[in-house]
Amino acid sequence: MIRVLDTVVLSRGLREYGLIRGDLGTVVHCYAENKSFEVEFVTGQGITIAVVTLSKSDIRPMQGNEILHVRDAGNLLLRF
């Protein structure tokens, strides 16, 4: 079960937000019946890139044995 403040992995890219499959986000709200979620995506400095409503099929919980990866978000910050 996905809960508020869980770290989740994006299962598909969201081109309109500049997000790609595998980006990490934090669940900030769970809607009724745990079918959709508000997920916040931030930089390493805590700057919000996007807050997106996603369905359960769009995200999955991060697993403890996964390797984290970093990419530059400079071009995404220009949107704000």
N, C-alpha and C. Protein backbone atom coordinates (compact mmCIF):
# COMPACT_ATOMS: atom_id res chain seq x y z
N MET A 1 0.83 -1.18 0.00
CA MET A 1 0.00 0.00 0.00
C MET A 1 0.88 1.26 0.00
N ILE A 2 0.54 2.20 -0.82
CA ILE A 2 1.27 3.47 -0.90
C ILE A 2 0.63 4.45 0.08
N ARG A 3 1.50 5.16 0.83
CA ARG A 3 1.03 6.08 1.85
C ARG A 3 1.66 7.46 1.68
N VAL A 4 1.10 8.44 2.35
CA VAL A 4 1.65 9.79 2.36
C VAL A 4 3.10 9.74 2.86
N LEU A 5 3.96 10.47 2.20
CA LEU A 5 5.40 10.59 2.45
C LEU A 5 6.22 9.41 1.94
N ASP A 6 5.59 8.44 1.30
CA ASP A 6 6.36 7.36 0.66
C ASP A 6 7.12 7.91 -0.54
N THR A 7 8.31 7.39 -0.75
CA THR A 7 9.06 7.68 -1.96
C THR A 7 8.63 6.69 -3.02
N VAL A 8 8.26 7.23 -4.19
CA VAL A 8 7.77 6.38 -5.28
C VAL A 8 8.58 6.63 -6.54
N VAL A 9 8.51 5.67 -7.45
CA VAL A 9 9.23 5.72 -8.71
C VAL A 9 8.22 5.90 -9.84
N LEU A 10 8.49 6.82 -10.72
CA LEU A 10 7.62 7.07 -11.86
C LEU A 10 7.75 5.92 -12.86
N SER A 11 6.63 5.32 -13.22
CA SER A 11 6.63 4.16 -14.12
C SER A 11 6.60 4.54 -15.60
N ARG A 12 6.32 5.81 -15.88
CA ARG A 12 6.30 6.28 -17.28
C ARG A 12 6.72 7.74 -17.29
N GLY A 13 7.24 8.18 -18.42
CA GLY A 13 7.63 9.57 -18.55
C GLY A 13 6.42 10.49 -18.61
N LEU A 14 6.60 11.70 -18.11
CA LEU A 14 5.58 12.74 -18.18
C LEU A 14 6.21 13.93 -18.91
N ARG A 15 6.19 13.87 -20.21
CA ARG A 15 6.87 14.86 -21.06
C ARG A 15 6.48 16.30 -20.72
N GLU A 16 5.19 16.52 -20.43
CA GLU A 16 4.72 17.87 -20.16
C GLU A 16 5.34 18.49 -18.91
N TYR A 17 5.91 17.65 -18.04
CA TYR A 17 6.59 18.12 -16.84
C TYR A 17 8.10 17.92 -16.91
N GLY A 18 8.58 17.35 -17.99
CA GLY A 18 10.00 17.07 -18.12
C GLY A 18 10.47 15.92 -17.27
N LEU A 19 9.56 15.08 -16.81
CA LEU A 19 9.90 13.95 -15.97
C LEU A 19 10.05 12.69 -16.81
N ILE A 20 10.96 11.83 -16.40
CA ILE A 20 11.19 10.59 -17.14
C ILE A 20 10.94 9.38 -16.25
N ARG A 21 10.73 8.27 -16.89
CA ARG A 21 10.54 7.00 -16.17
C ARG A 21 11.72 6.79 -15.23
N GLY A 22 11.43 6.45 -13.99
CA GLY A 22 12.48 6.22 -13.01
C GLY A 22 12.73 7.40 -12.07
N ASP A 23 12.17 8.58 -12.39
CA ASP A 23 12.32 9.71 -11.47
C ASP A 23 11.62 9.40 -10.15
N LEU A 24 12.20 9.91 -9.07
CA LEU A 24 11.65 9.69 -7.74
C LEU A 24 10.77 10.86 -7.32
N GLY A 25 9.69 10.54 -6.64
CA GLY A 25 8.80 11.56 -6.11
C GLY A 25 8.35 11.16 -4.72
N THR A 26 7.69 12.09 -4.05
CA THR A 26 7.16 11.85 -2.72
C THR A 26 5.64 12.02 -2.75
N VAL A 27 4.94 11.06 -2.21
CA VAL A 27 3.48 11.13 -2.15
C VAL A 27 3.11 12.18 -1.10
N VAL A 28 2.33 13.18 -1.52
CA VAL A 28 1.90 14.22 -0.58
C VAL A 28 0.41 14.13 -0.26
N HIS A 29 -0.33 13.31 -1.01
CA HIS A 29 -1.74 13.10 -0.71
C HIS A 29 -2.21 11.80 -1.37
N CYS A 30 -3.02 11.03 -0.66
CA CYS A 30 -3.64 9.82 -1.20
C CYS A 30 -5.13 10.07 -1.32
N TYR A 31 -5.68 9.82 -2.50
CA TYR A 31 -7.11 9.98 -2.70
C TYR A 31 -7.86 8.72 -2.29
N ALA A 32 -9.16 8.80 -2.28
CA ALA A 32 -10.03 7.70 -1.83
C ALA A 32 -9.65 6.37 -2.47
N GLU A 33 -9.69 5.35 -1.66
CA GLU A 33 -9.43 3.97 -2.08
C GLU A 33 -8.02 3.75 -2.62
N ASN A 34 -7.11 4.69 -2.38
CA ASN A 34 -5.70 4.52 -2.76
C ASN A 34 -5.53 4.25 -4.26
N LYS A 35 -6.39 4.87 -5.08
CA LYS A 35 -6.32 4.67 -6.53
C LYS A 35 -5.55 5.77 -7.24
N SER A 36 -5.46 6.94 -6.63
CA SER A 36 -4.68 8.03 -7.22
C SER A 36 -4.00 8.82 -6.11
N PHE A 37 -2.96 9.56 -6.52
CA PHE A 37 -2.07 10.19 -5.56
C PHE A 37 -1.56 11.52 -6.09
N GLU A 38 -1.30 12.45 -5.18
CA GLU A 38 -0.57 13.67 -5.53
C GLU A 38 0.89 13.36 -5.20
N VAL A 39 1.75 13.54 -6.20
CA VAL A 39 3.16 13.22 -6.03
C VAL A 39 3.98 14.47 -6.35
N GLU A 40 4.89 14.81 -5.45
CA GLU A 40 5.77 15.96 -5.65
C GLU A 40 7.14 15.48 -6.10
N PHE A 41 7.68 16.14 -7.12
CA PHE A 41 9.01 15.86 -7.63
C PHE A 41 9.88 17.09 -7.37
N VAL A 42 11.02 16.89 -6.71
CA VAL A 42 11.88 18.01 -6.31
C VAL A 42 13.32 17.77 -6.73
N THR A 43 14.10 18.87 -6.74
CA THR A 43 15.54 18.76 -6.97
C THR A 43 16.22 18.35 -5.67
N GLY A 44 17.51 18.10 -5.73
CA GLY A 44 18.28 17.78 -4.53
C GLY A 44 18.30 18.91 -3.53
N GLN A 45 18.02 20.14 -3.97
CA GLN A 45 17.97 21.31 -3.08
C GLN A 45 16.56 21.54 -2.53
N GLY A 46 15.62 20.67 -2.90
CA GLY A 46 14.27 20.80 -2.39
C GLY A 46 13.37 21.73 -3.18
N ILE A 47 13.80 22.14 -4.38
CA ILE A 47 12.99 23.00 -5.23
C ILE A 47 11.99 22.13 -5.99
N THR A 48 10.72 22.46 -5.90
CA THR A 48 9.67 21.68 -6.55
C THR A 48 9.73 21.83 -8.06
N ILE A 49 9.77 20.70 -8.75
CA ILE A 49 9.69 20.67 -10.22
C ILE A 49 8.24 20.54 -10.64
N ALA A 50 7.50 19.66 -9.97
CA ALA A 50 6.10 19.43 -10.33
C ALA A 50 5.38 18.74 -9.18
N VAL A 51 4.08 19.00 -9.09
CA VAL A 51 3.17 18.25 -8.22
C VAL A 51 2.08 17.73 -9.15
N VAL A 52 1.98 16.41 -9.26
CA VAL A 52 1.15 15.80 -10.28
C VAL A 52 0.21 14.78 -9.66
N THR A 53 -1.03 14.74 -10.15
CA THR A 53 -1.97 13.70 -9.75
C THR A 53 -1.72 12.49 -10.63
N LEU A 54 -1.42 11.37 -10.01
CA LEU A 54 -1.07 10.16 -10.75
C LEU A 54 -1.90 8.97 -10.27
N SER A 55 -2.12 8.04 -11.17
CA SER A 55 -2.83 6.82 -10.80
C SER A 55 -1.84 5.80 -10.26
N LYS A 56 -2.38 4.76 -9.66
CA LYS A 56 -1.55 3.70 -9.10
C LYS A 56 -0.66 3.06 -10.16
N SER A 57 -1.12 3.01 -11.40
CA SER A 57 -0.32 2.41 -12.48
C SER A 57 0.83 3.31 -12.94
N ASP A 58 0.81 4.59 -12.56
CA ASP A 58 1.86 5.53 -12.96
C ASP A 58 3.07 5.50 -12.04
N ILE A 59 2.90 4.93 -10.85
CA ILE A 59 3.98 4.93 -9.86
C ILE A 59 4.09 3.56 -9.20
N ARG A 60 5.23 3.37 -8.54
CA ARG A 60 5.42 2.16 -7.74
C ARG A 60 6.30 2.52 -6.56
N PRO A 61 6.20 1.78 -5.48
CA PRO A 61 7.07 2.07 -4.32
C PRO A 61 8.53 1.83 -4.68
N MET A 62 9.41 2.65 -4.12
CA MET A 62 10.84 2.44 -4.30
C MET A 62 11.25 1.23 -3.47
N GLN A 63 12.10 0.39 -4.03
CA GLN A 63 12.58 -0.81 -3.34
C GLN A 63 13.93 -0.52 -2.68
N GLY A 64 14.18 -1.12 -1.56
CA GLY A 64 15.42 -0.89 -0.81
C GLY A 64 16.68 -1.33 -1.52
N ASN A 65 16.56 -2.22 -2.48
CA ASN A 65 17.75 -2.73 -3.18
C ASN A 65 18.02 -2.00 -4.49
N GLU A 66 17.33 -0.89 -4.76
CA GLU A 66 17.52 -0.17 -6.02
C GLU A 66 18.62 0.89 -5.88
N ILE A 67 19.31 1.15 -6.99
CA ILE A 67 20.36 2.16 -7.03
C ILE A 67 19.73 3.48 -7.47
N LEU A 68 20.02 4.56 -6.74
CA LEU A 68 19.51 5.88 -7.11
C LEU A 68 20.39 6.48 -8.20
N HIS A 69 19.81 7.34 -9.01
CA HIS A 69 20.52 7.97 -10.11
C HIS A 69 20.22 9.47 -10.09
N VAL A 70 21.16 10.29 -10.51
CA VAL A 70 20.99 11.74 -10.51
C VAL A 70 21.10 12.27 -11.93
N ARG A 71 20.26 13.29 -12.25
CA ARG A 71 20.37 13.97 -13.54
C ARG A 71 20.14 15.45 -13.32
N ASP A 72 20.64 16.27 -14.24
CA ASP A 72 20.52 17.72 -14.13
C ASP A 72 19.09 18.17 -14.39
N ALA A 73 18.56 19.01 -13.52
CA ALA A 73 17.20 19.51 -13.67
C ALA A 73 17.19 20.99 -14.06
N GLY A 74 18.34 21.51 -14.46
CA GLY A 74 18.46 22.93 -14.79
C GLY A 74 17.41 23.43 -15.77
N ASN A 75 17.17 22.69 -16.84
CA ASN A 75 16.19 23.13 -17.83
C ASN A 75 14.76 23.06 -17.29
N LEU A 76 14.50 22.20 -16.32
CA LEU A 76 13.17 22.10 -15.73
C LEU A 76 12.88 23.29 -14.81
N LEU A 77 13.93 23.85 -14.21
CA LEU A 77 13.75 24.97 -13.29
C LEU A 77 13.35 26.24 -14.02
N LEU A 78 13.62 26.32 -15.31
CA LEU A 78 13.27 27.49 -16.09
C LEU A 78 11.77 27.68 -16.24
N ARG A 79 11.00 26.66 -15.93
CA ARG A 79 9.54 26.73 -16.07
C ARG A 79 8.91 27.61 -14.99
N PHE A 80 9.62 27.85 -13.90
CA PHE A 80 9.05 28.59 -12.77
C PHE A 80 9.49 30.03 -12.78
